[in-house]
Amino acid sequence: MKDCIFCKLANGEIPTKKVFEDEVVTVFMDAKPNTNGHMLIVPKKHIEDFTEIDDETLTHIHSVAKKMKGLIYDKLGACGLKLVNNYGSEQLVKHYHLHVIPVYEETDFHYQYADENEIDSTFEELTK
């Protein structure tokens, strides 16, 4: 879809703080993070929502989420993760994406909205 912002982000047409990329997905830091290290796994191919995604791509996205779990635990000291996919009126961008949201003990397992200024330093920590 030529006007889809996530197609442009996933395919490198718009710069992102890219944490991981392969032939199927791009993983980048969320611009408005719920917690420190919040990232999005976005397929490069336009897929509107989870009702349209093929099983192979969905399985691949979750495999990448497992890799990101290791990175988040090792580099940021998270103690849990929330994997979130919004649908319908909750889905603000109509391109399938999986939120990978780290949980930290000090947050008592609730969202602790991250300071947007922390994105750069978190990105540096994750990619060094």
C-alpha atoms as a PDB file:
ATOM      1  CA  MET A   1       0.000   0.000   0.000  1.00  0.00           C
ATOM      2  CA  LYS A   2       1.772   3.133  -1.171  1.00  0.00           C
ATOM      3  CA  ASP A   3       0.505   5.561   1.499  1.00  0.00           C
ATOM      4  CA  CYS A   4       0.923   3.268   4.509  1.00  0.00           C
ATOM      5  CA  ILE A   5       3.289   4.799   7.064  1.00  0.00           C
ATOM      6  CA  PHE A   6       4.286   1.377   8.448  1.00  0.00           C
ATOM      7  CA  CYS A   7       5.092   0.071   4.956  1.00  0.00           C
ATOM      8  CA  LYS A   8       7.422   3.057   4.579  1.00  0.00           C
ATOM      9  CA  LEU A   9       8.973   2.538   8.028  1.00  0.00           C
ATOM     10  CA  ALA A  10       9.439  -1.231   7.600  1.00  0.00           C
ATOM     11  CA  ASN A  11      10.973  -0.855   4.147  1.00  0.00           C
ATOM     12  CA  GLY A  12      13.411   1.923   5.049  1.00  0.00           C
ATOM     13  CA  GLU A  13      11.696   4.766   3.201  1.00  0.00           C
ATOM     14  CA  ILE A  14      11.373   6.652   6.502  1.00  0.00           C
ATOM     15  CA  PRO A  15      14.218   6.436   9.041  1.00  0.00           C
ATOM     16  CA  THR A  16      13.657   4.444  12.236  1.00  0.00           C
ATOM     17  CA  LYS A  17      15.677   3.346  15.218  1.00  0.00           C
ATOM     18  CA  LYS A  18      16.025  -0.133  13.746  1.00  0.00           C
ATOM     19  CA  VAL A  19      16.903  -2.894  16.205  1.00  0.00           C
ATOM     20  CA  PHE A  20      16.585  -5.881  13.840  1.00  0.00           C
ATOM     21  CA  GLU A  21      15.756  -6.596  10.219  1.00  0.00           C
ATOM     22  CA  ASP A  22      15.441  -9.604   7.966  1.00  0.00           C
ATOM     23  CA  GLU A  23      13.673 -10.316   4.681  1.00  0.00           C
ATOM     24  CA  VAL A  24      10.218 -10.479   6.327  1.00  0.00           C
ATOM     25  CA  VAL A  25      10.156  -7.894   9.153  1.00  0.00           C
ATOM     26  CA  THR A  26      11.767  -4.804  10.593  1.00  0.00           C
ATOM     27  CA  VAL A  27      11.894  -4.212  14.351  1.00  0.00           C
ATOM     28  CA  PHE A  28      12.201  -0.626  15.523  1.00  0.00           C
ATOM     29  CA  MET A  29      11.766   1.436  18.663  1.00  0.00           C
ATOM     30  CA  ASP A  30       8.262   2.783  19.264  1.00  0.00           C
ATOM     31  CA  ALA A  31       8.247   6.574  18.937  1.00  0.00           C
ATOM     32  CA  LYS A  32       5.783   6.864  21.857  1.00  0.00           C
ATOM     33  CA  PRO A  33       6.952   4.071  24.171  1.00  0.00           C
ATOM     34  CA  ASN A  34       4.780   2.672  26.959  1.00  0.00           C
ATOM     35  CA  THR A  35       7.934   1.503  28.765  1.00  0.00           C
ATOM     36  CA  ASN A  36      11.666   1.783  28.187  1.00  0.00           C
ATOM     37  CA  GLY A  37      12.579  -0.530  25.288  1.00  0.00           C
ATOM     38  CA  HIS A  38       9.080  -0.692  23.741  1.00  0.00           C
ATOM     39  CA  MET A  39       9.528  -1.820  20.152  1.00  0.00           C
ATOM     40  CA  LEU A  40       7.375  -2.811  17.178  1.00  0.00           C
ATOM     41  CA  ILE A  41       7.765  -5.839  14.918  1.00  0.00           C
ATOM     42  CA  VAL A  42       6.389  -4.832  11.516  1.00  0.00           C
ATOM     43  CA  PRO A  43       6.116  -7.023   8.412  1.00  0.00           C
ATOM     44  CA  LYS A  44       7.568  -5.443   5.272  1.00  0.00           C
ATOM     45  CA  LYS A  45       4.616  -6.676   3.211  1.00  0.00           C
ATOM     46  CA  HIS A  46       1.388  -4.761   3.797  1.00  0.00           C
ATOM     47  CA  ILE A  47      -0.974  -6.831   5.920  1.00  0.00           C
ATOM     48  CA  GLU A  48      -3.851  -4.845   7.398  1.00  0.00           C
ATOM     49  CA  ASP A  49      -4.573  -6.863  10.545  1.00  0.00           C
ATOM     50  CA  PHE A  50      -4.339 -10.267  12.217  1.00  0.00           C
ATOM     51  CA  THR A  51      -7.331 -11.601  10.269  1.00  0.00           C
ATOM     52  CA  GLU A  52      -5.341 -11.210   7.031  1.00  0.00           C
ATOM     53  CA  ILE A  53      -1.906 -12.445   8.126  1.00  0.00           C
ATOM     54  CA  ASP A  54      -0.709 -15.815   6.860  1.00  0.00           C
ATOM     55  CA  ASP A  55       0.430 -18.412   9.383  1.00  0.00           C
ATOM     56  CA  GLU A  56       4.028 -18.444   8.149  1.00  0.00           C
ATOM     57  CA  THR A  57       4.465 -14.691   8.652  1.00  0.00           C
ATOM     58  CA  LEU A  58       2.711 -14.779  12.024  1.00  0.00           C
ATOM     59  CA  THR A  59       4.973 -17.610  13.196  1.00  0.00           C
ATOM     60  CA  HIS A  60       8.020 -15.701  11.974  1.00  0.00           C
ATOM     61  CA  ILE A  61       6.954 -12.554  13.847  1.00  0.00           C
ATOM     62  CA  HIS A  62       6.666 -14.519  17.081  1.00  0.00           C
ATOM     63  CA  SER A  63      10.053 -16.129  16.464  1.00  0.00           C
ATOM     64  CA  VAL A  64      11.529 -12.635  16.149  1.00  0.00           C
ATOM     65  CA  ALA A  65       9.680 -11.622  19.349  1.00  0.00           C
ATOM     66  CA  LYS A  66      11.531 -14.426  21.156  1.00  0.00           C
ATOM     67  CA  LYS A  67      14.852 -13.010  19.893  1.00  0.00           C
ATOM     68  CA  MET A  68      13.846  -9.535  21.075  1.00  0.00           C
ATOM     69  CA  LYS A  69      12.962 -10.987  24.497  1.00  0.00           C
ATOM     70  CA  GLY A  70      16.557 -12.161  24.871  1.00  0.00           C
ATOM     71  CA  LEU A  71      17.894  -8.768  23.831  1.00  0.00           C
ATOM     72  CA  ILE A  72      15.569  -6.877  26.184  1.00  0.00           C
ATOM     73  CA  TYR A  73      16.325  -9.143  29.139  1.00  0.00           C
ATOM     74  CA  ASP A  74      20.100  -9.109  28.539  1.00  0.00           C
ATOM     75  CA  LYS A  75      20.527  -5.413  27.755  1.00  0.00           C
ATOM     76  CA  LEU A  76      17.744  -3.706  29.718  1.00  0.00           C
ATOM     77  CA  GLY A  77      17.126  -6.031  32.665  1.00  0.00           C
ATOM     78  CA  ALA A  78      13.424  -6.536  32.045  1.00  0.00           C
ATOM     79  CA  CYS A  79      11.654  -9.242  34.042  1.00  0.00           C
ATOM     80  CA  GLY A  80       8.653  -9.707  31.746  1.00  0.00           C
ATOM     81  CA  LEU A  81       7.141  -8.816  28.383  1.00  0.00           C
ATOM     82  CA  LYS A  82       3.782  -7.866  26.996  1.00  0.00           C
ATOM     83  CA  LEU A  83       3.132  -8.846  23.384  1.00  0.00           C
ATOM     84  CA  VAL A  84       0.255  -6.704  22.128  1.00  0.00           C
ATOM     85  CA  ASN A  85      -1.611  -6.609  18.834  1.00  0.00           C
ATOM     86  CA  ASN A  86      -4.459  -4.143  18.552  1.00  0.00           C
ATOM     87  CA  TYR A  87      -7.440  -4.741  16.250  1.00  0.00           C
ATOM     88  CA  GLY A  88     -10.457  -2.817  15.039  1.00  0.00           C
ATOM     89  CA  SER A  89     -10.984   0.580  16.631  1.00  0.00           C
ATOM     90  CA  GLU A  90      -7.939  -0.033  18.870  1.00  0.00           C
ATOM     91  CA  GLN A  91      -5.641  -0.400  15.836  1.00  0.00           C
ATOM     92  CA  LEU A  92      -4.535   3.145  15.003  1.00  0.00           C
ATOM     93  CA  VAL A  93      -2.298   2.166  12.067  1.00  0.00           C
ATOM     94  CA  LYS A  94      -3.974  -0.290   9.707  1.00  0.00           C
ATOM     95  CA  HIS A  95      -0.848  -2.388   9.134  1.00  0.00           C
ATOM     96  CA  TYR A  96      -0.318  -5.467  11.291  1.00  0.00           C
ATOM     97  CA  HIS A  97       2.348  -4.957  13.953  1.00  0.00           C
ATOM     98  CA  LEU A  98       3.256  -6.581  17.225  1.00  0.00           C
ATOM     99  CA  HIS A  99       4.167  -4.413  20.204  1.00  0.00           C
ATOM    100  CA  VAL A 100       6.968  -5.859  22.344  1.00  0.00           C
ATOM    101  CA  ILE A 101       6.657  -4.036  25.669  1.00  0.00           C
ATOM    102  CA  PRO A 102       9.205  -4.746  28.403  1.00  0.00           C
ATOM    103  CA  VAL A 103       8.053  -5.024  32.008  1.00  0.00           C
ATOM    104  CA  TYR A 104      10.303  -4.082  34.913  1.00  0.00           C
ATOM    105  CA  GLU A 105       9.943  -5.080  38.564  1.00  0.00           C
ATOM    106  CA  GLU A 106       9.783  -1.476  39.739  1.00  0.00           C
ATOM    107  CA  THR A 107       6.658  -0.879  37.628  1.00  0.00           C
ATOM    108  CA  ASP A 108       4.655  -3.537  39.486  1.00  0.00           C
ATOM    109  CA  PHE A 109       3.794  -4.963  36.037  1.00  0.00           C
ATOM    110  CA  HIS A 110       1.879  -1.883  34.915  1.00  0.00           C
ATOM    111  CA  TYR A 111       2.850   0.501  32.168  1.00  0.00           C
ATOM    112  CA  GLN A 112       5.385   3.085  33.166  1.00  0.00           C
ATOM    113  CA  TYR A 113       5.362   5.445  30.240  1.00  0.00           C
ATOM    114  CA  ALA A 114       8.902   6.000  29.091  1.00  0.00           C
ATOM    115  CA  ASP A 115      10.386   9.407  28.540  1.00  0.00           C
ATOM    116  CA  GLU A 116      10.650   9.908  24.781  1.00  0.00           C
ATOM    117  CA  ASN A 117      14.119  11.346  25.400  1.00  0.00           C
ATOM    118  CA  GLU A 118      15.228   7.892  26.607  1.00  0.00           C
ATOM    119  CA  ILE A 119      14.618   6.323  23.193  1.00  0.00           C
ATOM    120  CA  ASP A 120      18.067   7.288  21.888  1.00  0.00           C
ATOM    121  CA  SER A 121      19.980   5.912  24.856  1.00  0.00           C
ATOM    122  CA  THR A 122      17.886   2.728  24.929  1.00  0.00           C
ATOM    123  CA  PHE A 123      18.422   2.243  21.198  1.00  0.00           C
ATOM    124  CA  GLU A 124      22.175   2.641  21.693  1.00  0.00           C
ATOM    125  CA  GLU A 125      22.146   0.042  24.494  1.00  0.00           C
ATOM    126  CA  LEU A 126      20.144  -2.452  22.432  1.00  0.00           C
ATOM    127  CA  THR A 127      22.281  -2.139  19.313  1.00  0.00           C
ATOM    128  CA  LYS A 128      25.799  -2.071  20.767  1.00  0.00           C
END
